[in-house]
Amino acid sequence: MDNIFTKLRHIGHLSRLYPSNLTVDSVGYLPHKRDWVRFKFNTYNFSFILSGGGEYHLNGVVYPVKAPCVLVQAPDLLQEYGPAGECNEWEELFLIYNKDKIPVLKRCGFVRPDKPVWAIKESGPTRAYLQDLRKLAADATENGFADRVDRLCEQMILESMLAETEKNMTPEEIAVQRIRDVLTQNFREPAKFSALAQSHGLSDSTFRRYWFKAFADTPAQYVIRLKIEEACRLLVETKMKVSEIAHVSGFSDELYFYRRFKIETGFTALAYRNRHRYPLSFLK
């Protein structure tokens, strides 16, 4: 990899032509990391471990690190991590954000205090981003260099979460993820959360406890949001009547649909359609 991203490259001082809310401060690449880190950071960092492995010690808990995975360093906490066991080194790409970006990271869903390490399915996509960084590094003076790095780093974090595997999850966490998948696929049907939890080996209380660890919405709110998203799509993409859309989206009570749609979107269904309408003849 080009020297510009070997060890550490600070870009926080560079001007942005089209500033993102999530500007990265520094980016670094360590192809052969052998030393342990014992430090309290003043920043919020994401470390992509592409090969090798070791351990991550945080708050008295030892987390195994096995590539490919991501580990996070939050500010003001003593963190110890590095290669261990059969691995005497690892390959790491790291992203550093200033503390003042934490509210933005939270809004993006990138801050998960209960999950400082997560495994990802493969390192290929992250390596592709590495190559993109390498191409950018060929001319760091080009207009938009820092803007492109910001977007690449944000995309890397997002893709790592979308590619998270189940192997580091507890059985309860896996069950909740699978329940969410069932709800996503069947959101138009009446939801029976307790029965669904029981069918996945969880009591109702355990299901809700682990659900709230993973998601901001309640299970009922999650289903409602999916129904509203489907209604929004149909309002814009089709010529169906609003009453038909309410039914197709899974609302048995038309009046409730009207009220709920206004609460969730800030618009009536007709106002939403008019706001996003396309004058296209192919609408169904």
C-alpha atoms as a PDB file:
ATOM      1  CA  MET A   1       0.000   0.000   0.000  1.00  0.00           C
ATOM      2  CA  ASP A   2       1.226   3.511  -0.736  1.00  0.00           C
ATOM      3  CA  ASN A   3       3.106   5.208   2.074  1.00  0.00           C
ATOM      4  CA  ILE A   4       0.430   7.867   2.325  1.00  0.00           C
ATOM      5  CA  PHE A   5      -1.799   5.360   4.158  1.00  0.00           C
ATOM      6  CA  THR A   6       0.921   3.353   5.873  1.00  0.00           C
ATOM      7  CA  LYS A   7       0.953   3.801   9.651  1.00  0.00           C
ATOM      8  CA  LEU A   8      -1.001   7.071   9.884  1.00  0.00           C
ATOM      9  CA  ARG A   9      -2.303   9.749   7.556  1.00  0.00           C
ATOM     10  CA  HIS A  10      -3.948  12.800   9.140  1.00  0.00           C
ATOM     11  CA  ILE A  11      -6.585  14.465   6.945  1.00  0.00           C
ATOM     12  CA  GLY A  12      -8.715  16.259   9.524  1.00  0.00           C
ATOM     13  CA  HIS A  13      -7.064  19.577   8.682  1.00  0.00           C
ATOM     14  CA  LEU A  14      -7.851  19.351   4.975  1.00  0.00           C
ATOM     15  CA  SER A  15     -10.630  21.499   3.569  1.00  0.00           C
ATOM     16  CA  ARG A  16     -13.712  19.761   2.197  1.00  0.00           C
ATOM     17  CA  LEU A  17     -15.466  20.947  -0.947  1.00  0.00           C
ATOM     18  CA  TYR A  18     -18.698  19.179   0.001  1.00  0.00           C
ATOM     19  CA  PRO A  19     -18.403  18.572   3.752  1.00  0.00           C
ATOM     20  CA  SER A  20     -19.964  15.477   5.249  1.00  0.00           C
ATOM     21  CA  ASN A  21     -21.310  15.430   8.784  1.00  0.00           C
ATOM     22  CA  LEU A  22     -18.954  12.520   9.366  1.00  0.00           C
ATOM     23  CA  THR A  23     -15.485  13.793   8.505  1.00  0.00           C
ATOM     24  CA  VAL A  24     -12.676  11.404   9.346  1.00  0.00           C
ATOM     25  CA  ASP A  25      -9.665  12.730  11.227  1.00  0.00           C
ATOM     26  CA  SER A  26      -7.005  10.157  10.319  1.00  0.00           C
ATOM     27  CA  VAL A  27      -6.633   6.889   8.441  1.00  0.00           C
ATOM     28  CA  GLY A  28      -3.930   4.309   8.951  1.00  0.00           C
ATOM     29  CA  TYR A  29      -2.785   0.939   7.653  1.00  0.00           C
ATOM     30  CA  LEU A  30      -0.567  -1.562   9.474  1.00  0.00           C
ATOM     31  CA  PRO A  31       0.269  -4.565   7.288  1.00  0.00           C
ATOM     32  CA  HIS A  32       2.223  -6.290  10.086  1.00  0.00           C
ATOM     33  CA  LYS A  33       1.026  -5.126  13.495  1.00  0.00           C
ATOM     34  CA  ARG A  34       2.960  -6.955  16.217  1.00  0.00           C
ATOM     35  CA  ASP A  35       2.868  -4.637  19.226  1.00  0.00           C
ATOM     36  CA  TRP A  36       0.106  -4.408  21.819  1.00  0.00           C
ATOM     37  CA  VAL A  37      -1.775  -1.164  22.391  1.00  0.00           C
ATOM     38  CA  ARG A  38      -2.488  -0.134  26.000  1.00  0.00           C
ATOM     39  CA  PHE A  39      -4.084   3.294  25.871  1.00  0.00           C
ATOM     40  CA  LYS A  40      -7.013   5.579  26.684  1.00  0.00           C
ATOM     41  CA  PHE A  41      -7.985   7.181  23.403  1.00  0.00           C
ATOM     42  CA  ASN A  42      -9.453  10.654  23.085  1.00  0.00           C
ATOM     43  CA  THR A  43     -11.054   9.661  19.782  1.00  0.00           C
ATOM     44  CA  TYR A  44     -13.562   7.123  18.435  1.00  0.00           C
ATOM     45  CA  ASN A  45     -11.821   4.560  16.253  1.00  0.00           C
ATOM     46  CA  PHE A  46     -12.713   1.623  14.006  1.00  0.00           C
ATOM     47  CA  SER A  47     -10.042  -1.032  13.388  1.00  0.00           C
ATOM     48  CA  PHE A  48     -10.623  -3.443  10.499  1.00  0.00           C
ATOM     49  CA  ILE A  49      -8.600  -6.605  11.136  1.00  0.00           C
ATOM     50  CA  LEU A  50      -8.050  -8.180   7.721  1.00  0.00           C
ATOM     51  CA  SER A  51      -5.763 -11.065   8.618  1.00  0.00           C
ATOM     52  CA  GLY A  52      -4.306 -12.596  11.762  1.00  0.00           C
ATOM     53  CA  GLY A  53      -5.844 -12.349  15.221  1.00  0.00           C
ATOM     54  CA  GLY A  54      -5.350 -11.841  18.917  1.00  0.00           C
ATOM     55  CA  GLU A  55      -7.270 -10.401  21.871  1.00  0.00           C
ATOM     56  CA  TYR A  56      -9.054  -7.233  22.910  1.00  0.00           C
ATOM     57  CA  HIS A  57      -9.286  -6.467  26.657  1.00  0.00           C
ATOM     58  CA  LEU A  58     -11.942  -3.990  27.753  1.00  0.00           C
ATOM     59  CA  ASN A  59     -13.612  -3.444  31.129  1.00  0.00           C
ATOM     60  CA  GLY A  60     -12.312  -6.749  32.448  1.00  0.00           C
ATOM     61  CA  VAL A  61     -13.652  -8.723  29.474  1.00  0.00           C
ATOM     62  CA  VAL A  62     -11.386 -10.503  26.987  1.00  0.00           C
ATOM     63  CA  TYR A  63     -12.778 -10.520  23.444  1.00  0.00           C
ATOM     64  CA  PRO A  64     -11.204 -12.864  20.886  1.00  0.00           C
ATOM     65  CA  VAL A  65     -10.050 -11.130  17.722  1.00  0.00           C
ATOM     66  CA  LYS A  66     -10.012 -13.235  14.575  1.00  0.00           C
ATOM     67  CA  ALA A  67      -9.893 -11.794  11.083  1.00  0.00           C
ATOM     68  CA  PRO A  68     -11.922 -10.638   9.369  1.00  0.00           C
ATOM     69  CA  CYS A  69     -13.510  -8.508  12.056  1.00  0.00           C
ATOM     70  CA  VAL A  70     -13.894  -4.967  13.353  1.00  0.00           C
ATOM     71  CA  LEU A  71     -13.014  -3.691  16.795  1.00  0.00           C
ATOM     72  CA  VAL A  72     -13.907  -0.273  18.188  1.00  0.00           C
ATOM     73  CA  GLN A  73     -11.979   1.973  20.564  1.00  0.00           C
ATOM     74  CA  ALA A  74     -14.224   4.426  22.402  1.00  0.00           C
ATOM     75  CA  PRO A  75     -12.735   7.466  24.154  1.00  0.00           C
ATOM     76  CA  ASP A  76     -11.693   7.630  27.806  1.00  0.00           C
ATOM     77  CA  LEU A  77     -11.606   3.855  28.368  1.00  0.00           C
ATOM     78  CA  LEU A  78      -8.444   1.864  28.965  1.00  0.00           C
ATOM     79  CA  GLN A  79      -8.115  -0.526  26.061  1.00  0.00           C
ATOM     80  CA  GLU A  80      -5.577  -3.277  25.514  1.00  0.00           C
ATOM     81  CA  TYR A  81      -5.369  -5.225  22.286  1.00  0.00           C
ATOM     82  CA  GLY A  82      -2.967  -6.897  19.941  1.00  0.00           C
ATOM     83  CA  PRO A  83      -1.831 -10.188  18.386  1.00  0.00           C
ATOM     84  CA  ALA A  84      -1.885 -13.217  20.680  1.00  0.00           C
ATOM     85  CA  GLY A  85      -1.911 -16.991  20.718  1.00  0.00           C
ATOM     86  CA  GLU A  86      -0.942 -18.575  17.410  1.00  0.00           C
ATOM     87  CA  CYS A  87      -0.920 -15.158  15.717  1.00  0.00           C
ATOM     88  CA  ASN A  88       2.166 -13.017  16.209  1.00  0.00           C
ATOM     89  CA  GLU A  89       0.808 -10.236  13.980  1.00  0.00           C
ATOM     90  CA  TRP A  90      -2.293  -8.936  12.311  1.00  0.00           C
ATOM     91  CA  GLU A  91      -3.128  -6.701   9.363  1.00  0.00           C
ATOM     92  CA  GLU A  92      -5.156  -3.633  10.305  1.00  0.00           C
ATOM     93  CA  LEU A  93      -6.814  -0.689   8.609  1.00  0.00           C
ATOM     94  CA  PHE A  94      -8.002   1.904  11.131  1.00  0.00           C
ATOM     95  CA  LEU A  95     -10.234   4.977  10.983  1.00  0.00           C
ATOM     96  CA  ILE A  96     -10.054   7.736  13.610  1.00  0.00           C
ATOM     97  CA  TYR A  97     -12.891  10.175  14.349  1.00  0.00           C
ATOM     98  CA  ASN A  98     -12.789  13.123  16.748  1.00  0.00           C
ATOM     99  CA  LYS A  99     -14.953  12.866  19.876  1.00  0.00           C
ATOM    100  CA  ASP A 100     -17.240  15.581  18.561  1.00  0.00           C
ATOM    101  CA  LYS A 101     -18.364  13.164  15.836  1.00  0.00           C
ATOM    102  CA  ILE A 102     -19.834  10.696  18.339  1.00  0.00           C
ATOM    103  CA  PRO A 103     -23.386  12.182  18.144  1.00  0.00           C
ATOM    104  CA  VAL A 104     -23.278  11.752  14.358  1.00  0.00           C
ATOM    105  CA  LEU A 105     -21.903   8.225  14.696  1.00  0.00           C
ATOM    106  CA  LYS A 106     -24.769   7.455  17.080  1.00  0.00           C
ATOM    107  CA  ARG A 107     -27.380   8.825  14.690  1.00  0.00           C
ATOM    108  CA  CYS A 108     -25.907   6.609  11.981  1.00  0.00           C
ATOM    109  CA  GLY A 109     -26.185   3.583  14.281  1.00  0.00           C
ATOM    110  CA  PHE A 110     -22.403   3.147  14.302  1.00  0.00           C
ATOM    111  CA  VAL A 111     -22.042   3.316  18.106  1.00  0.00           C
ATOM    112  CA  ARG A 112     -22.852   0.049  19.879  1.00  0.00           C
ATOM    113  CA  PRO A 113     -21.388   0.082  23.412  1.00  0.00           C
ATOM    114  CA  ASP A 114     -22.354  -3.548  24.013  1.00  0.00           C
ATOM    115  CA  LYS A 115     -20.494  -4.743  20.915  1.00  0.00           C
ATOM    116  CA  PRO A 116     -16.865  -3.565  20.790  1.00  0.00           C
ATOM    117  CA  VAL A 117     -15.923  -6.397  18.387  1.00  0.00           C
ATOM    118  CA  TRP A 118     -17.863  -7.968  15.557  1.00  0.00           C
ATOM    119  CA  ALA A 119     -16.968 -10.548  12.943  1.00  0.00           C
ATOM    120  CA  ILE A 120     -17.676  -9.906   9.270  1.00  0.00           C
ATOM    121  CA  LYS A 121     -18.317 -12.439   6.546  1.00  0.00           C
ATOM    122  CA  GLU A 122     -15.242 -11.736   4.444  1.00  0.00           C
ATOM    123  CA  SER A 123     -12.425  -9.263   4.063  1.00  0.00           C
ATOM    124  CA  GLY A 124     -12.858  -8.873   0.298  1.00  0.00           C
ATOM    125  CA  PRO A 125     -15.089  -5.767   0.370  1.00  0.00           C
ATOM    126  CA  THR A 126     -12.817  -4.032   2.868  1.00  0.00           C
ATOM    127  CA  ARG A 127      -9.799  -4.824   0.718  1.00  0.00           C
ATOM    128  CA  ALA A 128     -11.654  -3.266  -2.212  1.00  0.00           C
ATOM    129  CA  TYR A 129     -12.005  -0.069  -0.189  1.00  0.00           C
ATOM    130  CA  LEU A 130      -8.292  -0.291   0.554  1.00  0.00           C
ATOM    131  CA  GLN A 131      -7.645  -0.299  -3.152  1.00  0.00           C
ATOM    132  CA  ASP A 132      -9.921   2.723  -3.561  1.00  0.00           C
ATOM    133  CA  LEU A 133      -7.914   4.524  -0.887  1.00  0.00           C
ATOM    134  CA  ARG A 134      -4.767   3.535  -2.695  1.00  0.00           C
ATOM    135  CA  LYS A 135      -6.041   5.081  -5.918  1.00  0.00           C
ATOM    136  CA  LEU A 136      -6.951   8.276  -4.075  1.00  0.00           C
ATOM    137  CA  ALA A 137      -3.520   8.317  -2.478  1.00  0.00           C
ATOM    138  CA  ALA A 138      -1.920   8.509  -5.908  1.00  0.00           C
ATOM    139  CA  ASP A 139      -2.767  12.207  -5.921  1.00  0.00           C
ATOM    140  CA  ALA A 140      -3.783  13.517  -2.520  1.00  0.00           C
ATOM    141  CA  THR A 141      -3.699  17.079  -3.849  1.00  0.00           C
ATOM    142  CA  GLU A 142      -6.582  16.434  -6.227  1.00  0.00           C
ATOM    143  CA  ASN A 143      -9.770  18.373  -5.492  1.00  0.00           C
ATOM    144  CA  GLY A 144     -12.181  16.318  -3.431  1.00  0.00           C
ATOM    145  CA  PHE A 145      -9.533  14.000  -1.982  1.00  0.00           C
ATOM    146  CA  ALA A 146     -10.686  14.405   1.644  1.00  0.00           C
ATOM    147  CA  ASP A 147     -14.374  14.332   0.632  1.00  0.00           C
ATOM    148  CA  ARG A 148     -13.891  10.983  -1.071  1.00  0.00           C
ATOM    149  CA  VAL A 149     -11.995   9.560   1.889  1.00  0.00           C
ATOM    150  CA  ASP A 150     -14.811  10.621   4.237  1.00  0.00           C
ATOM    151  CA  ARG A 151     -17.407   8.822   2.114  1.00  0.00           C
ATOM    152  CA  LEU A 152     -15.266   5.712   1.705  1.00  0.00           C
ATOM    153  CA  CYS A 153     -14.701   5.425   5.444  1.00  0.00           C
ATOM    154  CA  GLU A 154     -18.406   5.814   6.209  1.00  0.00           C
ATOM    155  CA  GLN A 155     -19.246   3.187   3.593  1.00  0.00           C
ATOM    156  CA  MET A 156     -16.700   0.798   5.080  1.00  0.00           C
ATOM    157  CA  ILE A 157     -18.291   1.024   8.526  1.00  0.00           C
ATOM    158  CA  LEU A 158     -21.767   0.537   7.085  1.00  0.00           C
ATOM    159  CA  GLU A 159     -20.745  -2.465   5.007  1.00  0.00           C
ATOM    160  CA  SER A 160     -19.016  -4.077   7.988  1.00  0.00           C
ATOM    161  CA  MET A 161     -22.243  -3.936   9.962  1.00  0.00           C
ATOM    162  CA  LEU A 162     -24.316  -5.231   7.083  1.00  0.00           C
ATOM    163  CA  ALA A 163     -21.799  -8.073   6.681  1.00  0.00           C
ATOM    164  CA  GLU A 164     -21.733  -8.967  10.376  1.00  0.00           C
ATOM    165  CA  THR A 165     -21.801 -12.706  10.980  1.00  0.00           C
ATOM    166  CA  GLU A 166     -23.565 -14.644  13.695  1.00  0.00           C
ATOM    167  CA  LYS A 167     -20.498 -16.428  15.006  1.00  0.00           C
ATOM    168  CA  ASN A 168     -19.808 -13.884  17.761  1.00  0.00           C
ATOM    169  CA  MET A 169     -23.455 -13.532  18.765  1.00  0.00           C
ATOM    170  CA  THR A 170     -25.109 -15.193  21.718  1.00  0.00           C
ATOM    171  CA  PRO A 171     -27.961 -17.631  20.998  1.00  0.00           C
ATOM    172  CA  GLU A 172     -30.395 -14.941  22.186  1.00  0.00           C
ATOM    173  CA  GLU A 173     -28.911 -12.359  19.810  1.00  0.00           C
ATOM    174  CA  ILE A 174     -29.111 -14.808  16.914  1.00  0.00           C
ATOM    175  CA  ALA A 175     -32.745 -15.597  17.762  1.00  0.00           C
ATOM    176  CA  VAL A 176     -33.657 -11.905  17.826  1.00  0.00           C
ATOM    177  CA  GLN A 177     -31.999 -11.323  14.444  1.00  0.00           C
ATOM    178  CA  ARG A 178     -33.960 -14.232  12.984  1.00  0.00           C
ATOM    179  CA  ILE A 179     -37.207 -12.975  14.512  1.00  0.00           C
ATOM    180  CA  ARG A 180     -36.536  -9.608  12.896  1.00  0.00           C
ATOM    181  CA  ASP A 181     -36.061 -11.387   9.551  1.00  0.00           C
ATOM    182  CA  VAL A 182     -39.422 -13.135   9.985  1.00  0.00           C
ATOM    183  CA  LEU A 183     -41.116  -9.824  10.812  1.00  0.00           C
ATOM    184  CA  THR A 184     -39.478  -8.155   7.820  1.00  0.00           C
ATOM    185  CA  GLN A 185     -40.711 -10.834   5.452  1.00  0.00           C
ATOM    186  CA  ASN A 186     -44.220 -10.996   6.927  1.00  0.00           C
ATOM    187  CA  PHE A 187     -44.890  -7.441   8.093  1.00  0.00           C
ATOM    188  CA  ARG A 188     -48.290  -7.354   6.375  1.00  0.00           C
ATOM    189  CA  GLU A 189     -49.565 -10.174   8.595  1.00  0.00           C
ATOM    190  CA  PRO A 190     -50.768  -9.648  12.198  1.00  0.00           C
ATOM    191  CA  ALA A 191     -47.717  -9.985  14.427  1.00  0.00           C
ATOM    192  CA  LYS A 192     -47.833 -12.354  17.402  1.00  0.00           C
ATOM    193  CA  PHE A 193     -44.622 -11.436  19.150  1.00  0.00           C
ATOM    194  CA  SER A 194     -44.887 -13.754  22.155  1.00  0.00           C
ATOM    195  CA  ALA A 195     -45.619 -16.793  19.981  1.00  0.00           C
ATOM    196  CA  LEU A 196     -42.800 -15.835  17.625  1.00  0.00           C
ATOM    197  CA  ALA A 197     -40.378 -15.487  20.525  1.00  0.00           C
ATOM    198  CA  GLN A 198     -41.423 -18.865  21.917  1.00  0.00           C
ATOM    199  CA  SER A 199     -40.950 -20.522  18.532  1.00  0.00           C
ATOM    200  CA  HIS A 200     -37.338 -19.279  18.613  1.00  0.00           C
ATOM    201  CA  GLY A 201     -36.717 -20.520  22.139  1.00  0.00           C
ATOM    202  CA  LEU A 202     -37.118 -17.201  23.965  1.00  0.00           C
ATOM    203  CA  SER A 203     -39.456 -16.092  26.713  1.00  0.00           C
ATOM    204  CA  ASP A 204     -41.316 -12.858  26.033  1.00  0.00           C
ATOM    205  CA  SER A 205     -39.210 -10.931  28.557  1.00  0.00           C
ATOM    206  CA  THR A 206     -35.914 -12.294  27.186  1.00  0.00           C
ATOM    207  CA  PHE A 207     -36.990 -11.525  23.632  1.00  0.00           C
ATOM    208  CA  ARG A 208     -37.800  -7.905  24.482  1.00  0.00           C
ATOM    209  CA  ARG A 209     -34.640  -7.429  26.536  1.00  0.00           C
ATOM    210  CA  TYR A 210     -32.403  -8.579  23.692  1.00  0.00           C
ATOM    211  CA  TRP A 211     -34.502  -6.792  21.077  1.00  0.00           C
ATOM    212  CA  PHE A 212     -33.923  -3.439  22.824  1.00  0.00           C
ATOM    213  CA  LYS A 213     -30.198  -4.148  22.943  1.00  0.00           C
ATOM    214  CA  ALA A 214     -30.169  -4.461  19.157  1.00  0.00           C
ATOM    215  CA  PHE A 215     -32.801  -1.995  17.945  1.00  0.00           C
ATOM    216  CA  ALA A 216     -34.146   1.412  18.904  1.00  0.00           C
ATOM    217  CA  ASP A 217     -37.782   0.684  18.007  1.00  0.00           C
ATOM    218  CA  THR A 218     -40.098  -1.684  19.852  1.00  0.00           C
ATOM    219  CA  PRO A 219     -41.082  -4.774  17.836  1.00  0.00           C
ATOM    220  CA  ALA A 220     -44.505  -3.214  17.181  1.00  0.00           C
ATOM    221  CA  GLN A 221     -42.939   0.066  16.050  1.00  0.00           C
ATOM    222  CA  TYR A 222     -40.595  -1.831  13.763  1.00  0.00           C
ATOM    223  CA  VAL A 223     -43.514  -3.560  12.033  1.00  0.00           C
ATOM    224  CA  ILE A 224     -45.454  -0.300  11.750  1.00  0.00           C
ATOM    225  CA  ARG A 225     -42.441   1.372  10.172  1.00  0.00           C
ATOM    226  CA  LEU A 226     -42.181  -1.406   7.576  1.00  0.00           C
ATOM    227  CA  LYS A 227     -45.877  -0.990   6.739  1.00  0.00           C
ATOM    228  CA  ILE A 228     -45.520   2.774   6.390  1.00  0.00           C
ATOM    229  CA  GLU A 229     -42.420   2.350   4.196  1.00  0.00           C
ATOM    230  CA  GLU A 230     -44.399   0.007   1.944  1.00  0.00           C
ATOM    231  CA  ALA A 231     -47.280   2.498   1.802  1.00  0.00           C
ATOM    232  CA  CYS A 232     -44.859   5.291   0.848  1.00  0.00           C
ATOM    233  CA  ARG A 233     -43.463   3.171  -1.952  1.00  0.00           C
ATOM    234  CA  LEU A 234     -46.904   2.327  -3.318  1.00  0.00           C
ATOM    235  CA  LEU A 235     -48.082   5.936  -3.116  1.00  0.00           C
ATOM    236  CA  VAL A 236     -45.207   7.047  -5.327  1.00  0.00           C
ATOM    237  CA  GLU A 237     -44.752   4.039  -7.605  1.00  0.00           C
ATOM    238  CA  THR A 238     -48.385   3.156  -8.337  1.00  0.00           C
ATOM    239  CA  LYS A 239     -51.771   4.723  -9.060  1.00  0.00           C
ATOM    240  CA  MET A 240     -53.530   2.604  -6.441  1.00  0.00           C
ATOM    241  CA  LYS A 241     -56.159   4.299  -4.310  1.00  0.00           C
ATOM    242  CA  VAL A 242     -55.073   5.232  -0.813  1.00  0.00           C
ATOM    243  CA  SER A 243     -57.645   2.875   0.684  1.00  0.00           C
ATOM    244  CA  GLU A 244     -56.212   0.011  -1.359  1.00  0.00           C
ATOM    245  CA  ILE A 245     -52.687   0.906  -0.299  1.00  0.00           C
ATOM    246  CA  ALA A 246     -53.693   0.867   3.355  1.00  0.00           C
ATOM    247  CA  HIS A 247     -55.002  -2.682   2.949  1.00  0.00           C
ATOM    248  CA  VAL A 248     -52.091  -3.945   0.834  1.00  0.00           C
ATOM    249  CA  SER A 249     -49.589  -2.499   3.314  1.00  0.00           C
ATOM    250  CA  GLY A 250     -51.104  -4.530   6.143  1.00  0.00           C
ATOM    251  CA  PHE A 251     -53.464  -2.075   7.843  1.00  0.00           C
ATOM    252  CA  SER A 252     -56.855  -3.578   8.620  1.00  0.00           C
ATOM    253  CA  ASP A 253     -58.213  -0.236   9.868  1.00  0.00           C
ATOM    254  CA  GLU A 254     -58.172   2.472   7.207  1.00  0.00           C
ATOM    255  CA  LEU A 255     -58.686   5.350   9.645  1.00  0.00           C
ATOM    256  CA  TYR A 256     -55.815   4.110  11.789  1.00  0.00           C
ATOM    257  CA  PHE A 257     -53.641   4.019   8.675  1.00  0.00           C
ATOM    258  CA  TYR A 258     -54.416   7.685   7.931  1.00  0.00           C
ATOM    259  CA  ARG A 259     -53.557   8.742  11.496  1.00  0.00           C
ATOM    260  CA  ARG A 260     -50.436   6.612  11.698  1.00  0.00           C
ATOM    261  CA  PHE A 261     -49.153   7.718   8.311  1.00  0.00           C
ATOM    262  CA  LYS A 262     -49.394  11.379   9.346  1.00  0.00           C
ATOM    263  CA  ILE A 263     -47.586  10.658  12.630  1.00  0.00           C
ATOM    264  CA  GLU A 264     -44.747   8.746  10.953  1.00  0.00           C
ATOM    265  CA  THR A 265     -44.171  10.940   7.895  1.00  0.00           C
ATOM    266  CA  GLY A 266     -45.580  14.348   8.835  1.00  0.00           C
ATOM    267  CA  PHE A 267     -47.823  14.255   5.743  1.00  0.00           C
ATOM    268  CA  THR A 268     -51.208  12.921   4.835  1.00  0.00           C
ATOM    269  CA  ALA A 269     -51.050  10.069   2.349  1.00  0.00           C
ATOM    270  CA  LEU A 270     -52.301  12.276  -0.499  1.00  0.00           C
ATOM    271  CA  ALA A 271     -49.884  15.076   0.405  1.00  0.00           C
ATOM    272  CA  TYR A 272     -47.035  12.572   0.415  1.00  0.00           C
ATOM    273  CA  ARG A 273     -48.077  11.294  -3.018  1.00  0.00           C
ATOM    274  CA  ASN A 274     -48.294  14.821  -4.432  1.00  0.00           C
ATOM    275  CA  ARG A 275     -44.928  15.762  -2.957  1.00  0.00           C
ATOM    276  CA  HIS A 276     -43.107  12.787  -4.492  1.00  0.00           C
ATOM    277  CA  ARG A 277     -45.251  12.157  -7.560  1.00  0.00           C
ATOM    278  CA  TYR A 278     -43.537  11.397 -10.856  1.00  0.00           C
ATOM    279  CA  PRO A 279     -45.331  12.419 -14.085  1.00  0.00           C
ATOM    280  CA  LEU A 280     -44.571   9.058 -15.670  1.00  0.00           C
ATOM    281  CA  SER A 281     -46.937   6.994 -17.760  1.00  0.00           C
ATOM    282  CA  PHE A 282     -45.584   3.648 -16.566  1.00  0.00           C
ATOM    283  CA  LEU A 283     -47.063   3.948 -13.067  1.00  0.00           C
ATOM    284  CA  LYS A 284     -49.302   1.000 -12.368  1.00  0.00           C
END
